[in-house]
N, C-alpha and C. Protein backbone atom coordinates (compact mmCIF):
# COMPACT_ATOMS: atom_id res chain seq x y z
N MET A 1 96.37 132.32 60.31
CA MET A 1 95.02 132.24 59.51
C MET A 1 94.04 133.47 60.33
N ALA A 2 93.48 134.30 59.97
CA ALA A 2 92.22 135.10 60.77
C ALA A 2 91.13 134.14 61.02
N ASP A 3 90.49 134.61 62.00
CA ASP A 3 89.12 133.49 62.49
C ASP A 3 88.01 134.12 61.82
N VAL A 4 87.43 133.00 61.14
CA VAL A 4 85.93 133.48 60.39
C VAL A 4 84.98 133.27 60.72
N THR A 5 83.88 133.29 60.19
CA THR A 5 82.39 133.44 60.87
C THR A 5 81.90 132.77 59.52
N ILE A 6 81.23 131.48 59.74
CA ILE A 6 80.25 130.77 58.69
C ILE A 6 78.86 131.45 58.60
N SER A 7 78.57 132.11 57.68
CA SER A 7 77.50 132.60 57.77
C SER A 7 75.95 131.84 57.24
N SER A 8 76.34 130.75 56.39
CA SER A 8 75.08 129.73 56.14
C SER A 8 75.62 128.41 55.73
N LEU A 9 75.04 127.57 55.84
CA LEU A 9 75.58 126.02 55.25
C LEU A 9 74.67 125.52 54.38
N PRO A 10 75.22 125.23 53.36
CA PRO A 10 74.12 124.49 52.53
C PRO A 10 73.18 123.39 53.11
N LEU A 11 72.31 122.71 52.62
CA LEU A 11 71.30 121.72 53.24
C LEU A 11 71.88 120.39 52.84
N GLY A 12 72.21 119.44 53.71
CA GLY A 12 72.47 118.23 53.37
C GLY A 12 74.02 118.01 53.38
N THR A 13 74.32 116.86 53.24
CA THR A 13 75.98 116.68 53.82
C THR A 13 76.56 117.41 52.90
N PRO A 14 77.73 118.20 53.39
CA PRO A 14 78.61 118.78 52.24
C PRO A 14 79.53 117.71 51.67
N SER A 15 79.82 118.20 50.49
CA SER A 15 80.63 117.28 49.60
C SER A 15 81.76 117.92 48.98
N GLY A 16 82.67 117.33 48.20
CA GLY A 16 83.89 118.14 47.31
C GLY A 16 83.36 119.18 46.40
N THR A 17 81.91 118.94 46.33
CA THR A 17 81.44 119.94 44.89
C THR A 17 80.82 121.23 45.99
N ASP A 18 80.46 121.10 47.33
CA ASP A 18 79.92 122.06 47.92
C ASP A 18 80.45 123.47 48.41
N ASN A 19 80.20 124.68 48.42
CA ASN A 19 81.26 125.57 48.92
C ASN A 19 80.33 125.97 50.15
N ILE A 20 80.90 126.52 51.23
CA ILE A 20 80.44 127.03 52.44
C ILE A 20 81.05 128.61 52.67
N PRO A 21 79.80 129.57 52.81
CA PRO A 21 80.08 130.97 53.00
C PRO A 21 80.90 131.41 54.28
N TYR A 22 81.81 132.26 54.31
CA TYR A 22 82.29 132.47 55.54
C TYR A 22 82.63 133.93 55.35
N SER A 23 82.91 134.69 56.33
CA SER A 23 83.32 135.78 56.56
C SER A 23 84.28 136.29 57.38
N ASN A 24 85.41 136.71 57.10
CA ASN A 24 86.23 137.05 57.92
C ASN A 24 86.12 138.83 58.80
N GLY A 25 84.82 139.03 58.81
CA GLY A 25 84.67 140.54 59.51
C GLY A 25 84.86 141.48 58.22
N THR A 26 85.84 141.35 57.00
CA THR A 26 85.93 142.48 56.25
C THR A 26 85.38 141.74 54.65
N THR A 27 85.67 140.66 54.71
CA THR A 27 85.16 140.34 53.09
C THR A 27 84.55 138.97 53.34
N THR A 28 83.88 138.56 52.28
CA THR A 28 82.75 137.33 52.49
C THR A 28 83.31 136.57 51.47
N SER A 29 83.70 135.46 51.19
CA SER A 29 83.99 134.43 50.35
C SER A 29 83.48 132.97 50.47
N ARG A 30 83.73 132.13 49.48
CA ARG A 30 83.34 130.44 49.87
C ARG A 30 84.34 129.63 49.84
N VAL A 31 84.24 128.78 50.79
CA VAL A 31 85.30 127.61 50.95
C VAL A 31 85.01 126.34 50.23
N ALA A 32 85.33 125.26 49.68
CA ALA A 32 85.30 123.91 49.63
C ALA A 32 85.45 123.40 50.76
N VAL A 33 84.77 122.23 50.65
CA VAL A 33 84.56 121.19 51.69
C VAL A 33 84.57 119.87 51.14
N GLN A 34 85.88 119.12 51.78
CA GLN A 34 86.16 117.79 51.72
C GLN A 34 84.99 116.85 51.70
N SER A 35 84.96 115.87 51.15
CA SER A 35 83.79 115.16 51.35
C SER A 35 83.96 113.87 52.69
N LEU A 36 82.86 114.03 53.06
CA LEU A 36 83.03 113.04 54.33
C LEU A 36 82.39 111.75 54.25
N PRO A 37 82.63 110.78 54.69
CA PRO A 37 83.52 110.66 55.92
C PRO A 37 85.24 110.71 55.31
N VAL A 38 86.05 110.93 56.11
CA VAL A 38 87.55 110.91 55.88
C VAL A 38 88.17 109.39 56.09
N ALA A 39 88.66 109.06 55.40
CA ALA A 39 89.37 107.62 55.57
C ALA A 39 90.22 108.06 56.77
N TYR A 40 90.33 107.04 57.45
CA TYR A 40 91.38 107.09 58.94
C TYR A 40 92.69 106.96 57.91
N SER A 41 93.15 106.49 57.27
CA SER A 41 94.57 106.15 56.36
C SER A 41 94.69 107.51 55.79
N SER A 42 93.95 108.36 55.38
CA SER A 42 94.28 109.75 54.93
C SER A 42 94.47 110.96 55.74
N VAL A 43 94.07 110.61 57.46
CA VAL A 43 94.79 111.42 58.04
C VAL A 43 96.05 111.49 58.49
N THR A 44 96.52 112.70 58.61
CA THR A 44 98.07 112.64 58.84
C THR A 44 98.56 113.40 60.50
N GLY A 45 99.58 112.99 60.56
CA GLY A 45 100.07 114.00 62.30
C GLY A 45 99.40 112.87 63.24
N LYS A 46 98.80 111.34 62.76
CA LYS A 46 98.41 110.49 64.19
C LYS A 46 99.60 110.30 65.11
N PRO A 47 99.08 110.14 66.07
CA PRO A 47 99.96 109.54 67.39
C PRO A 47 100.29 107.77 67.10
N ASN A 48 101.85 107.90 67.34
CA ASN A 48 101.76 106.32 67.04
C ASN A 48 101.44 105.37 68.53
N LEU A 49 100.16 104.63 68.63
CA LEU A 49 99.78 103.86 69.50
C LEU A 49 100.36 102.86 69.91
N ALA A 50 100.43 102.13 71.29
CA ALA A 50 100.89 100.79 71.41
C ALA A 50 99.96 100.04 70.69
N THR A 51 100.37 98.84 70.30
CA THR A 51 99.69 97.41 69.97
C THR A 51 98.81 97.16 71.20
N VAL A 52 97.36 96.87 70.86
CA VAL A 52 96.54 96.50 71.92
C VAL A 52 96.95 94.75 72.13
N ALA A 53 96.81 94.72 73.59
CA ALA A 53 97.38 93.32 74.04
C ALA A 53 96.13 92.30 73.52
N THR A 54 96.87 91.21 72.83
CA THR A 54 95.75 90.29 72.40
C THR A 54 95.36 89.40 73.35
N THR A 55 95.84 89.09 74.52
CA THR A 55 95.84 87.89 75.40
C THR A 55 95.43 88.42 76.65
N GLY A 56 95.43 90.07 76.92
CA GLY A 56 94.85 90.59 78.22
C GLY A 56 96.40 90.73 78.92
N SER A 57 97.71 90.24 78.57
CA SER A 57 98.96 90.61 78.91
C SER A 57 99.39 91.57 79.14
N TYR A 58 99.89 92.23 79.96
CA TYR A 58 100.68 93.65 79.47
C TYR A 58 102.14 93.17 78.73
N ASN A 59 102.67 92.12 78.84
CA ASN A 59 103.52 91.71 78.17
C ASN A 59 103.49 91.93 76.73
N ASP A 60 102.04 91.70 76.40
CA ASP A 60 101.54 91.66 74.62
C ASP A 60 101.79 93.17 74.27
N LEU A 61 101.99 94.31 74.90
CA LEU A 61 101.87 95.47 74.45
C LEU A 61 103.19 95.83 73.74
N SER A 62 103.56 96.72 72.67
CA SER A 62 104.70 97.05 72.38
C SER A 62 104.81 98.67 73.00
N ASN A 63 105.92 99.12 72.80
CA ASN A 63 106.01 100.46 73.13
C ASN A 63 105.44 100.69 74.76
N LYS A 64 105.62 99.74 75.43
CA LYS A 64 105.15 100.06 76.72
C LYS A 64 106.16 100.50 78.12
N PRO A 65 105.48 101.38 78.86
CA PRO A 65 106.63 102.46 79.49
C PRO A 65 107.21 101.54 80.69
N THR A 66 108.17 102.12 81.15
CA THR A 66 108.91 101.27 81.97
C THR A 66 108.58 101.62 83.42
N ILE A 67 108.47 100.86 84.20
CA ILE A 67 108.05 101.01 85.49
C ILE A 67 109.20 100.98 86.41
N PRO A 68 109.11 102.35 87.24
CA PRO A 68 110.46 102.52 87.98
C PRO A 68 110.86 101.30 89.37
N VAL A 69 112.00 101.21 89.28
CA VAL A 69 112.24 100.25 90.48
C VAL A 69 112.31 100.96 91.73
N VAL A 70 111.25 100.51 92.67
CA VAL A 70 111.32 100.96 93.99
C VAL A 70 112.33 100.18 95.09
N ASN A 71 112.72 101.09 95.88
CA ASN A 71 113.69 100.88 96.82
C ASN A 71 112.83 100.69 98.16
N ASN A 72 112.92 99.38 98.41
CA ASN A 72 112.07 98.64 99.56
C ASN A 72 112.67 99.50 100.73
N ALA A 73 113.73 100.07 100.80
CA ALA A 73 114.22 101.13 102.10
C ALA A 73 113.52 102.04 102.17
N GLN A 74 112.92 102.46 101.31
CA GLN A 74 112.23 104.01 101.42
C GLN A 74 110.52 103.68 101.70
N LEU A 75 110.00 102.41 101.69
CA LEU A 75 109.10 102.25 102.26
C LEU A 75 108.58 101.75 103.69
N ALA A 76 107.52 102.08 104.29
CA ALA A 76 107.32 101.50 105.77
C ALA A 76 107.24 99.84 105.52
N LYS A 77 108.12 99.32 106.56
CA LYS A 77 107.93 98.04 106.53
C LYS A 77 106.77 97.58 107.62
N VAL A 78 106.34 98.54 108.84
CA VAL A 78 105.75 98.11 109.88
C VAL A 78 105.16 99.37 110.05
N TRP A 79 103.61 99.49 110.32
CA TRP A 79 103.62 100.38 110.64
C TRP A 79 101.72 100.19 111.11
N VAL A 80 101.64 100.87 112.58
CA VAL A 80 100.33 100.36 113.47
C VAL A 80 99.70 101.43 113.97
N SER A 81 98.12 101.56 114.01
CA SER A 81 97.48 102.69 114.82
C SER A 81 96.62 102.03 115.79
N PHE A 82 97.13 102.23 117.39
CA PHE A 82 96.61 101.21 118.23
C PHE A 82 95.59 101.83 119.26
N ASN A 83 94.62 101.49 120.10
CA ASN A 83 94.20 102.29 121.18
C ASN A 83 94.86 101.86 122.25
N GLY A 84 95.84 102.91 122.82
CA GLY A 84 96.33 102.72 124.14
C GLY A 84 95.87 102.33 125.55
N THR A 85 94.38 102.54 125.48
CA THR A 85 93.86 102.70 126.98
C THR A 85 93.19 101.36 127.29
N GLY A 86 93.50 100.02 126.90
CA GLY A 86 93.16 98.68 127.18
C GLY A 86 93.79 98.52 128.78
N SER A 87 93.64 97.17 129.42
CA SER A 87 94.04 96.89 130.78
C SER A 87 95.42 96.71 130.08
N ILE A 88 96.23 96.65 131.69
CA ILE A 88 97.94 96.44 131.70
C ILE A 88 97.59 94.81 131.47
N GLY A 89 98.79 94.38 130.89
CA GLY A 89 98.95 92.65 130.83
C GLY A 89 97.72 92.27 129.83
N THR A 90 97.40 92.99 128.87
CA THR A 90 96.65 92.45 127.70
C THR A 90 97.05 93.27 126.34
N ASN A 91 96.90 92.55 125.22
CA ASN A 91 96.71 93.14 123.90
C ASN A 91 96.01 94.21 123.60
N GLN A 92 96.18 95.36 123.20
CA GLN A 92 95.44 96.49 122.84
C GLN A 92 94.53 96.41 121.48
N THR A 93 93.35 97.17 121.36
CA THR A 93 92.83 97.00 120.07
C THR A 93 93.76 98.06 119.15
N ILE A 94 93.78 97.17 117.73
CA ILE A 94 94.43 98.15 116.76
C ILE A 94 93.54 98.36 115.81
N TYR A 95 93.59 99.49 115.56
CA TYR A 95 92.45 100.24 114.18
C TYR A 95 93.05 99.72 113.33
N ALA A 96 94.36 99.79 112.90
CA ALA A 96 94.68 99.44 111.48
C ALA A 96 96.38 99.11 111.71
N SER A 97 96.77 98.26 110.70
CA SER A 97 98.41 97.96 110.72
C SER A 97 98.84 97.26 109.63
N TYR A 98 100.10 97.01 109.51
CA TYR A 98 100.80 96.54 108.57
C TYR A 98 102.17 95.74 109.12
N ASN A 99 102.16 94.13 109.25
CA ASN A 99 103.14 93.68 109.45
C ASN A 99 103.28 93.59 110.95
N VAL A 100 102.08 93.87 111.52
CA VAL A 100 102.12 93.58 112.98
C VAL A 100 101.22 92.76 113.57
N SER A 101 101.44 92.03 114.47
CA SER A 101 100.73 90.76 114.64
C SER A 101 100.03 91.16 115.97
N SER A 102 100.42 91.77 116.91
CA SER A 102 99.88 92.79 118.20
C SER A 102 100.61 93.61 119.09
N VAL A 103 99.97 94.24 119.68
CA VAL A 103 100.51 95.23 120.68
C VAL A 103 100.05 95.03 122.06
N TYR A 104 101.08 94.58 122.95
CA TYR A 104 100.84 94.23 124.20
C TYR A 104 101.08 95.35 125.18
N LYS A 105 100.51 95.76 126.05
CA LYS A 105 100.41 96.67 127.12
C LYS A 105 100.93 96.40 128.26
N ASN A 106 102.33 96.73 128.72
CA ASN A 106 103.32 96.25 129.67
C ASN A 106 103.03 96.64 130.88
N ALA A 107 102.76 98.26 130.93
CA ALA A 107 102.24 99.08 132.02
C ALA A 107 101.64 100.31 131.56
N SER A 108 101.21 101.41 132.12
CA SER A 108 100.72 102.62 131.48
C SER A 108 101.41 103.08 130.72
N GLY A 109 101.34 103.53 129.52
CA GLY A 109 101.94 104.30 128.67
C GLY A 109 103.14 103.25 128.09
N ASP A 110 103.26 102.06 128.28
CA ASP A 110 104.26 101.24 127.80
C ASP A 110 103.81 99.90 127.17
N TYR A 111 104.26 99.87 125.61
CA TYR A 111 103.86 99.07 124.68
C TYR A 111 104.74 98.11 124.23
N THR A 112 104.69 97.01 124.00
CA THR A 112 105.40 96.16 123.04
C THR A 112 104.66 95.85 121.75
N ILE A 113 105.26 96.19 120.71
CA ILE A 113 104.53 95.87 119.53
C ILE A 113 105.46 94.82 118.64
N ASN A 114 104.82 93.45 118.29
CA ASN A 114 105.38 92.43 117.93
C ASN A 114 104.89 92.47 116.50
N PHE A 115 105.69 92.15 115.76
CA PHE A 115 105.53 92.08 114.08
C PHE A 115 105.48 90.84 113.75
N THR A 116 105.17 90.79 112.41
CA THR A 116 104.47 89.42 111.93
C THR A 116 106.01 88.66 111.58
N PRO A 117 106.03 87.39 111.84
CA PRO A 117 107.45 86.85 112.00
C PRO A 117 107.90 86.89 110.81
N GLY A 118 109.60 87.37 110.36
CA GLY A 118 110.15 87.50 109.20
C GLY A 118 109.93 88.82 108.62
N THR A 119 109.37 89.67 109.41
CA THR A 119 109.25 90.86 108.60
C THR A 119 110.88 91.60 108.60
N PHE A 120 111.76 91.60 109.85
CA PHE A 120 112.88 92.16 109.99
C PHE A 120 113.87 90.82 110.19
N SER A 121 115.33 91.04 109.28
CA SER A 121 116.25 89.78 110.00
C SER A 121 117.10 90.50 111.32
N ASN A 122 117.19 91.70 111.54
CA ASN A 122 117.82 92.29 112.63
C ASN A 122 117.05 93.72 113.21
N ALA A 123 117.71 93.85 114.16
CA ALA A 123 116.72 95.36 114.98
C ALA A 123 117.67 96.74 114.31
N ASN A 124 118.13 96.71 113.01
CA ASN A 124 118.72 98.09 112.53
C ASN A 124 117.61 98.35 111.90
N PHE A 125 116.87 99.24 112.39
CA PHE A 125 115.85 99.96 111.91
C PHE A 125 115.28 101.12 112.38
N CYS A 126 114.50 102.03 111.62
CA CYS A 126 114.20 103.36 112.36
C CYS A 126 112.85 103.34 112.80
N ALA A 127 112.39 103.70 113.72
CA ALA A 127 111.06 104.02 114.13
C ALA A 127 110.71 105.48 114.74
N THR A 128 109.29 105.71 114.62
CA THR A 128 108.93 107.01 114.74
C THR A 128 107.22 106.95 114.95
N GLY A 129 107.02 107.74 115.68
CA GLY A 129 105.69 107.41 116.09
C GLY A 129 104.90 108.89 116.63
N SER A 130 103.46 108.93 116.58
CA SER A 130 102.97 109.78 117.55
C SER A 130 101.95 109.31 117.94
N ALA A 131 101.04 110.48 119.18
CA ALA A 131 99.85 110.12 119.87
C ALA A 131 98.80 111.02 119.82
N PHE A 132 97.84 110.55 120.32
CA PHE A 132 96.91 111.42 120.50
C PHE A 132 95.66 111.27 121.54
N ASP A 133 95.44 112.25 122.55
CA ASP A 133 94.63 111.37 123.39
C ASP A 133 93.14 112.00 123.76
N GLY A 134 92.90 113.01 122.45
CA GLY A 134 91.28 113.81 122.17
C GLY A 134 91.08 114.26 123.82
N ASN A 135 91.67 114.40 124.90
CA ASN A 135 91.17 115.13 125.68
C ASN A 135 91.89 116.44 126.25
N GLY A 136 92.57 116.84 125.26
CA GLY A 136 93.48 117.97 125.25
C GLY A 136 94.84 117.68 125.93
N GLN A 137 95.21 116.92 126.48
CA GLN A 137 96.71 116.46 126.72
C GLN A 137 97.52 116.28 125.82
N GLY A 138 98.58 117.17 125.81
CA GLY A 138 99.69 116.87 124.66
C GLY A 138 100.20 115.53 125.19
N THR A 139 100.86 114.78 124.14
CA THR A 139 101.33 113.31 124.45
C THR A 139 102.30 113.03 123.22
N TYR A 140 103.27 112.39 123.53
CA TYR A 140 104.32 111.90 122.92
C TYR A 140 104.45 110.78 122.87
N VAL A 141 105.27 109.98 121.52
CA VAL A 141 105.57 108.89 121.56
C VAL A 141 107.38 108.70 121.60
N GLY A 142 107.82 107.95 122.82
CA GLY A 142 109.38 107.56 122.88
C GLY A 142 109.38 106.13 122.20
N ILE A 143 110.85 105.66 122.04
CA ILE A 143 111.22 104.59 121.39
C ILE A 143 112.06 103.88 122.49
N ASN A 144 111.91 103.10 122.82
CA ASN A 144 112.74 102.39 123.97
C ASN A 144 114.08 101.70 123.01
N ASN A 145 114.78 102.25 122.70
CA ASN A 145 115.97 101.63 121.98
C ASN A 145 116.39 100.66 122.66
N GLY A 146 116.43 100.20 124.09
CA GLY A 146 117.18 99.15 124.41
C GLY A 146 116.24 97.91 124.33
N ALA A 147 114.96 98.19 124.03
CA ALA A 147 114.16 97.06 123.88
C ALA A 147 113.68 96.58 122.60
N ARG A 148 114.71 96.24 121.69
CA ARG A 148 114.09 96.37 120.39
C ARG A 148 114.82 95.00 119.92
N THR A 149 114.19 94.56 118.95
CA THR A 149 114.97 92.96 118.49
C THR A 149 114.27 93.24 117.11
N ALA A 150 114.45 91.91 116.27
CA ALA A 150 114.18 91.84 114.86
C ALA A 150 112.68 91.40 114.80
N SER A 151 111.96 90.88 116.01
CA SER A 151 110.45 90.75 116.29
C SER A 151 109.74 91.82 117.10
N THR A 152 110.34 92.84 117.75
CA THR A 152 109.63 93.62 118.39
C THR A 152 110.27 95.10 118.88
N ILE A 153 109.52 95.52 119.12
CA ILE A 153 109.84 97.17 119.51
C ILE A 153 109.40 97.69 120.76
N ARG A 154 109.75 98.26 121.71
CA ARG A 154 108.71 99.04 122.79
C ARG A 154 108.98 100.28 122.82
N VAL A 155 107.54 100.94 123.05
CA VAL A 155 107.37 102.00 122.90
C VAL A 155 106.67 102.52 123.94
N PHE A 156 106.72 103.85 124.43
CA PHE A 156 105.99 104.55 125.73
C PHE A 156 105.48 105.80 125.28
N THR A 157 104.45 106.02 125.86
CA THR A 157 103.62 107.42 125.40
C THR A 157 103.73 107.94 126.94
N LYS A 158 104.02 109.46 126.57
CA LYS A 158 104.03 110.65 127.91
C LYS A 158 103.12 111.74 127.63
N GLY A 159 102.74 112.14 128.93
CA GLY A 159 101.88 113.43 128.60
C GLY A 159 102.80 114.29 128.57
N ILE A 160 102.55 115.54 127.58
CA ILE A 160 103.73 116.71 127.65
C ILE A 160 103.00 117.67 129.22
N SER A 161 102.03 118.15 129.14
CA SER A 161 101.16 118.92 129.92
C SER A 161 101.46 118.05 131.50
N GLY A 162 101.91 118.74 132.45
CA GLY A 162 101.80 118.04 133.85
C GLY A 162 102.91 116.74 133.99
N GLY A 163 103.72 116.63 132.90
CA GLY A 163 104.80 115.71 133.10
C GLY A 163 104.40 114.34 133.61
N ASN A 164 103.10 113.98 132.93
CA ASN A 164 102.23 112.87 133.62
C ASN A 164 103.22 111.85 132.66
N PRO A 165 104.18 110.80 133.68
CA PRO A 165 104.61 109.46 133.26
C PRO A 165 103.75 108.44 132.76
N GLY A 166 104.39 107.53 131.55
CA GLY A 166 103.36 106.78 131.11
C GLY A 166 101.95 106.68 130.94
N TYR A 167 101.61 108.02 129.87
CA TYR A 167 100.22 108.16 129.96
C TYR A 167 99.51 107.59 128.73
N ASP A 168 98.45 106.79 129.18
CA ASP A 168 97.45 106.18 127.99
C ASP A 168 97.04 107.01 126.90
N ALA A 169 97.30 107.07 125.74
CA ALA A 169 96.44 107.43 124.82
C ALA A 169 95.58 106.98 124.15
N THR A 170 94.53 107.48 123.32
CA THR A 170 93.30 106.89 122.60
C THR A 170 93.89 106.35 120.96
N TRP A 171 94.86 107.14 120.69
CA TRP A 171 95.47 106.97 119.42
C TRP A 171 97.21 107.02 119.33
N ILE A 172 97.47 105.81 118.97
CA ILE A 172 98.94 105.68 119.10
C ILE A 172 99.33 105.28 117.78
N ASP A 173 100.26 105.94 116.97
CA ASP A 173 100.61 105.56 115.57
C ASP A 173 102.19 105.25 115.67
N VAL A 174 102.76 104.07 115.03
CA VAL A 174 103.89 104.00 114.74
C VAL A 174 104.45 103.33 113.68
N VAL A 175 105.48 103.80 112.95
CA VAL A 175 105.74 103.64 111.71
C VAL A 175 107.43 103.31 111.53
N ILE A 176 108.00 102.24 111.17
CA ILE A 176 108.84 101.87 111.24
C ILE A 176 109.59 101.34 109.74
N PHE A 177 111.01 101.84 109.42
CA PHE A 177 111.49 101.55 108.47
C PHE A 177 112.78 100.80 108.52
N GLY A 178 112.84 100.04 107.69
CA GLY A 178 114.11 99.28 107.62
C GLY A 178 114.13 97.96 106.43
N ASN A 179 115.19 97.26 106.53
CA ASN A 179 115.18 95.57 105.84
C ASN A 179 115.25 94.78 106.60
């Protein structure tokens, strides 16, 4: 169908007896207008919509989408972001965490992360981390695999430049995956 331009509209609400003049650029003609308003039942090609919940429960809906099952092993079971510059022999300041009860400083750059009780049933988990000191010192996080249990993991931070052992970083992030 060619594009048309309506040149003028009759005054008032169009009805089935009114005609609207239009032009497709070469000819001018008139088209009949259907009466308004149009009944919803007469509209064709409507989408099928889910039934509206009557009790406010998702289960009242018909045609509801399926929600995919998430494999818990794909989600971080523990994560923590903390400041490692506190005193030796004290709990460090935690910026944010999930399933972490405390972070204890054993020595300079040496920390024990304590999990919320019952988080893991064994020490078979995967841990990774990163660190930043804000002073231009490159820093990394290491995992002490010999000092992990179902309730704790020991991590260390070291400076990259200058070989600084046990370097205290201002931002230390550790993420742990497992069941």
